[in-house]
Amino acid sequence: MNIFIILAFLLGGGTILTDHKIHELPHWLAVVLYTAAVVLFVIGMIVSRKA
């Protein structure tokens, strides 16, 4: 599995875990973190496809 995909899963999962279990995040921060996770996932898929 590509490092970008792993980072995307960690960022997305960490955001969900933090928001639901530890401390509620501001809405704008959660949107930015989820968007970054999706971008990392897409970059990982593109890099994996070219390899």
PDB file of N, CA and C in Angstrom:
ATOM      1  N   MET A   1       0.842  -1.171   0.000  1.00  0.00           N
ATOM      2  CA  MET A   1       0.000   0.000   0.000  1.00  0.00           C
ATOM      3  C   MET A   1       0.895   1.246   0.000  1.00  0.00           C
ATOM      4  N   ASN A   2       0.458   2.246  -0.711  1.00  0.00           N
ATOM      5  CA  ASN A   2       1.214   3.476  -0.876  1.00  0.00           C
ATOM      6  C   ASN A   2       1.215   4.296   0.424  1.00  0.00           C
ATOM      7  N   ILE A   3       2.311   5.037   0.661  1.00  0.00           N
ATOM      8  CA  ILE A   3       2.437   5.833   1.881  1.00  0.00           C
ATOM      9  C   ILE A   3       1.375   6.931   1.940  1.00  0.00           C
ATOM     10  N   PHE A   4       0.976   7.480   0.778  1.00  0.00           N
ATOM     11  CA  PHE A   4      -0.051   8.517   0.763  1.00  0.00           C
ATOM     12  C   PHE A   4      -1.406   7.956   1.207  1.00  0.00           C
ATOM     13  N   ILE A   5      -1.714   6.754   0.799  1.00  0.00           N
ATOM     14  CA  ILE A   5      -2.974   6.129   1.191  1.00  0.00           C
ATOM     15  C   ILE A   5      -2.972   5.832   2.688  1.00  0.00           C
ATOM     16  N   ILE A   6      -1.864   5.367   3.198  1.00  0.00           N
ATOM     17  CA  ILE A   6      -1.751   5.097   4.633  1.00  0.00           C
ATOM     18  C   ILE A   6      -1.931   6.388   5.430  1.00  0.00           C
ATOM     19  N   LEU A   7      -1.280   7.466   4.976  1.00  0.00           N
ATOM     20  CA  LEU A   7      -1.427   8.752   5.650  1.00  0.00           C
ATOM     21  C   LEU A   7      -2.863   9.258   5.583  1.00  0.00           C
ATOM     22  N   ALA A   8      -3.535   9.014   4.456  1.00  0.00           N
ATOM     23  CA  ALA A   8      -4.932   9.436   4.316  1.00  0.00           C
ATOM     24  C   ALA A   8      -5.824   8.701   5.314  1.00  0.00           C
ATOM     25  N   PHE A   9      -5.630   7.391   5.445  1.00  0.00           N
ATOM     26  CA  PHE A   9      -6.429   6.628   6.406  1.00  0.00           C
ATOM     27  C   PHE A   9      -6.138   7.070   7.844  1.00  0.00           C
ATOM     28  N   LEU A  10      -4.876   7.330   8.155  1.00  0.00           N
ATOM     29  CA  LEU A  10      -4.532   7.780   9.505  1.00  0.00           C
ATOM     30  C   LEU A  10      -5.114   9.156   9.800  1.00  0.00           C
ATOM     31  N   LEU A  11      -5.032  10.061   8.832  1.00  0.00           N
ATOM     32  CA  LEU A  11      -5.569  11.401   9.032  1.00  0.00           C
ATOM     33  C   LEU A  11      -7.087  11.374   9.160  1.00  0.00           C
ATOM     34  N   GLY A  12      -7.753  10.652   8.298  1.00  0.00           N
ATOM     35  CA  GLY A  12      -9.210  10.557   8.374  1.00  0.00           C
ATOM     36  C   GLY A  12      -9.681   9.867   9.638  1.00  0.00           C
ATOM     37  N   GLY A  13      -9.046   8.748   9.968  1.00  0.00           N
ATOM     38  CA  GLY A  13      -9.407   8.023  11.189  1.00  0.00           C
ATOM     39  C   GLY A  13      -9.088   8.801  12.442  1.00  0.00           C
ATOM     40  N   GLY A  14      -7.952   9.477  12.441  1.00  0.00           N
ATOM     41  CA  GLY A  14      -7.577  10.297  13.593  1.00  0.00           C
ATOM     42  C   GLY A  14      -8.525  11.463  13.793  1.00  0.00           C
ATOM     43  N   THR A  15      -8.992  12.036  12.693  1.00  0.00           N
ATOM     44  CA  THR A  15      -9.949  13.130  12.786  1.00  0.00           C
ATOM     45  C   THR A  15     -11.266  12.642  13.371  1.00  0.00           C
ATOM     46  N   ILE A  16     -11.742  11.505  12.904  1.00  0.00           N
ATOM     47  CA  ILE A  16     -12.989  10.949  13.431  1.00  0.00           C
ATOM     48  C   ILE A  16     -12.837  10.592  14.905  1.00  0.00           C
ATOM     49  N   LEU A  17     -11.751   9.931  15.257  1.00  0.00           N
ATOM     50  CA  LEU A  17     -11.524   9.543  16.645  1.00  0.00           C
ATOM     51  C   LEU A  17     -11.447  10.761  17.556  1.00  0.00           C
ATOM     52  N   THR A  18     -10.704  11.765  17.125  1.00  0.00           N
ATOM     53  CA  THR A  18     -10.578  12.975  17.939  1.00  0.00           C
ATOM     54  C   THR A  18     -11.912  13.686  18.080  1.00  0.00           C
ATOM     55  N   ASP A  19     -12.648  13.797  16.987  1.00  0.00           N
ATOM     56  CA  ASP A  19     -13.906  14.536  17.006  1.00  0.00           C
ATOM     57  C   ASP A  19     -14.980  13.838  17.841  1.00  0.00           C
ATOM     58  N   HIS A  20     -15.026  12.520  17.791  1.00  0.00           N
ATOM     59  CA  HIS A  20     -16.101  11.793  18.466  1.00  0.00           C
ATOM     60  C   HIS A  20     -15.761  11.371  19.890  1.00  0.00           C
ATOM     61  N   LYS A  21     -14.509  11.045  20.154  1.00  0.00           N
ATOM     62  CA  LYS A  21     -14.171  10.444  21.450  1.00  0.00           C
ATOM     63  C   LYS A  21     -13.368  11.353  22.371  1.00  0.00           C
ATOM     64  N   ILE A  22     -12.468  12.168  21.825  1.00  0.00           N
ATOM     65  CA  ILE A  22     -11.550  12.928  22.683  1.00  0.00           C
ATOM     66  C   ILE A  22     -12.047  14.352  22.904  1.00  0.00           C
ATOM     67  N   HIS A  23     -12.158  15.119  21.816  1.00  0.00           N
ATOM     68  CA  HIS A  23     -12.568  16.523  21.921  1.00  0.00           C
ATOM     69  C   HIS A  23     -13.203  16.942  20.608  1.00  0.00           C
ATOM     70  N   GLU A  24     -14.345  17.595  20.682  1.00  0.00           N
ATOM     71  CA  GLU A  24     -15.036  18.014  19.475  1.00  0.00           C
ATOM     72  C   GLU A  24     -14.237  19.098  18.748  1.00  0.00           C
ATOM     73  N   LEU A  25     -13.995  18.866  17.467  1.00  0.00           N
ATOM     74  CA  LEU A  25     -13.242  19.815  16.654  1.00  0.00           C
ATOM     75  C   LEU A  25     -14.175  20.876  16.084  1.00  0.00           C
ATOM     76  N   PRO A  26     -13.643  22.071  15.829  1.00  0.00           N
ATOM     77  CA  PRO A  26     -14.455  23.062  15.114  1.00  0.00           C
ATOM     78  C   PRO A  26     -14.808  22.535  13.721  1.00  0.00           C
ATOM     79  N   HIS A  27     -15.967  22.926  13.234  1.00  0.00           N
ATOM     80  CA  HIS A  27     -16.457  22.414  11.957  1.00  0.00           C
ATOM     81  C   HIS A  27     -15.476  22.697  10.823  1.00  0.00           C
ATOM     82  N   TRP A  28     -14.932  23.908  10.763  1.00  0.00           N
ATOM     83  CA  TRP A  28     -14.038  24.266   9.668  1.00  0.00           C
ATOM     84  C   TRP A  28     -12.764  23.414   9.696  1.00  0.00           C
ATOM     85  N   LEU A  29     -12.266  23.079  10.885  1.00  0.00           N
ATOM     86  CA  LEU A  29     -11.055  22.271  10.991  1.00  0.00           C
ATOM     87  C   LEU A  29     -11.312  20.839  10.537  1.00  0.00           C
ATOM     88  N   ALA A  30     -12.466  20.289  10.915  1.00  0.00           N
ATOM     89  CA  ALA A  30     -12.812  18.933  10.482  1.00  0.00           C
ATOM     90  C   ALA A  30     -12.939  18.869   8.964  1.00  0.00           C
ATOM     91  N   VAL A  31     -13.522  19.890   8.352  1.00  0.00           N
ATOM     92  CA  VAL A  31     -13.662  19.914   6.888  1.00  0.00           C
ATOM     93  C   VAL A  31     -12.291  19.973   6.226  1.00  0.00           C
ATOM     94  N   VAL A  32     -11.405  20.797   6.752  1.00  0.00           N
ATOM     95  CA  VAL A  32     -10.055  20.904   6.181  1.00  0.00           C
ATOM     96  C   VAL A  32      -9.307  19.579   6.308  1.00  0.00           C
ATOM     97  N   LEU A  33      -9.399  18.931   7.462  1.00  0.00           N
ATOM     98  CA  LEU A  33      -8.691  17.659   7.672  1.00  0.00           C
ATOM     99  C   LEU A  33      -9.250  16.544   6.786  1.00  0.00           C
ATOM    100  N   TYR A  34     -10.579  16.472   6.669  1.00  0.00           N
ATOM    101  CA  TYR A  34     -11.172  15.463   5.789  1.00  0.00           C
ATOM    102  C   TYR A  34     -10.793  15.709   4.334  1.00  0.00           C
ATOM    103  N   THR A  35     -10.779  16.974   3.924  1.00  0.00           N
ATOM    104  CA  THR A  35     -10.395  17.302   2.552  1.00  0.00           C
ATOM    105  C   THR A  35      -8.943  16.913   2.292  1.00  0.00           C
ATOM    106  N   ALA A  36      -8.079  17.173   3.246  1.00  0.00           N
ATOM    107  CA  ALA A  36      -6.674  16.778   3.102  1.00  0.00           C
ATOM    108  C   ALA A  36      -6.551  15.265   3.005  1.00  0.00           C
ATOM    109  N   ALA A  37      -7.344  14.528   3.775  1.00  0.00           N
ATOM    110  CA  ALA A  37      -7.303  13.068   3.706  1.00  0.00           C
ATOM    111  C   ALA A  37      -7.756  12.566   2.339  1.00  0.00           C
ATOM    112  N   VAL A  38      -8.789  13.175   1.784  1.00  0.00           N
ATOM    113  CA  VAL A  38      -9.269  12.767   0.455  1.00  0.00           C
ATOM    114  C   VAL A  38      -8.218  13.082  -0.610  1.00  0.00           C
ATOM    115  N   VAL A  39      -7.590  14.241  -0.513  1.00  0.00           N
ATOM    116  CA  VAL A  39      -6.544  14.607  -1.471  1.00  0.00           C
ATOM    117  C   VAL A  39      -5.379  13.630  -1.387  1.00  0.00           C
ATOM    118  N   LEU A  40      -4.955  13.285  -0.181  1.00  0.00           N
ATOM    119  CA  LEU A  40      -3.880  12.307  -0.024  1.00  0.00           C
ATOM    120  C   LEU A  40      -4.266  10.958  -0.611  1.00  0.00           C
ATOM    121  N   PHE A  41      -5.503  10.552  -0.410  1.00  0.00           N
ATOM    122  CA  PHE A  41      -5.965   9.273  -0.947  1.00  0.00           C
ATOM    123  C   PHE A  41      -5.932   9.276  -2.474  1.00  0.00           C
ATOM    124  N   VAL A  42      -6.398  10.356  -3.074  1.00  0.00           N
ATOM    125  CA  VAL A  42      -6.403  10.449  -4.538  1.00  0.00           C
ATOM    126  C   VAL A  42      -4.987  10.470  -5.086  1.00  0.00           C
ATOM    127  N   ILE A  43      -4.093  11.221  -4.438  1.00  0.00           N
ATOM    128  CA  ILE A  43      -2.692  11.235  -4.868  1.00  0.00           C
ATOM    129  C   ILE A  43      -2.086   9.848  -4.753  1.00  0.00           C
ATOM    130  N   GLY A  44      -2.392   9.143  -3.677  1.00  0.00           N
ATOM    131  CA  GLY A  44      -1.898   7.776  -3.523  1.00  0.00           C
ATOM    132  C   GLY A  44      -2.400   6.837  -4.605  1.00  0.00           C
ATOM    133  N   MET A  45      -3.654   6.988  -4.989  1.00  0.00           N
ATOM    134  CA  MET A  45      -4.198   6.142  -6.053  1.00  0.00           C
ATOM    135  C   MET A  45      -3.530   6.448  -7.392  1.00  0.00           C
ATOM    136  N   ILE A  46      -3.279   7.722  -7.673  1.00  0.00           N
ATOM    137  CA  ILE A  46      -2.617   8.101  -8.920  1.00  0.00           C
ATOM    138  C   ILE A  46      -1.195   7.581  -8.959  1.00  0.00           C
ATOM    139  N   VAL A  47      -0.467   7.733  -7.855  1.00  0.00           N
ATOM    140  CA  VAL A  47       0.915   7.257  -7.800  1.00  0.00           C
ATOM    141  C   VAL A  47       0.969   5.737  -7.927  1.00  0.00           C
ATOM    142  N   SER A  48       0.030   5.041  -7.287  1.00  0.00           N
ATOM    143  CA  SER A  48      -0.004   3.569  -7.378  1.00  0.00           C
ATOM    144  C   SER A  48      -0.316   3.111  -8.794  1.00  0.00           C
ATOM    145  N   ARG A  49      -1.187   3.831  -9.471  1.00  0.00           N
ATOM    146  CA  ARG A  49      -1.554   3.454 -10.828  1.00  0.00           C
ATOM    147  C   ARG A  49      -0.368   3.618 -11.793  1.00  0.00           C
ATOM    148  N   LYS A  50       0.452   4.654 -11.578  1.00  0.00           N
ATOM    149  CA  LYS A  50       1.587   4.889 -12.455  1.00  0.00           C
ATOM    150  C   LYS A  50       2.759   3.939 -12.175  1.00  0.00           C
ATOM    151  N   ALA A  51       2.792   3.365 -10.983  1.00  0.00           N
ATOM    152  CA  ALA A  51       3.896   2.464 -10.647  1.00  0.00           C
ATOM    153  C   ALA A  51       3.715   1.088 -11.242  1.00  0.00           C
TER     154      ALA A  51
END
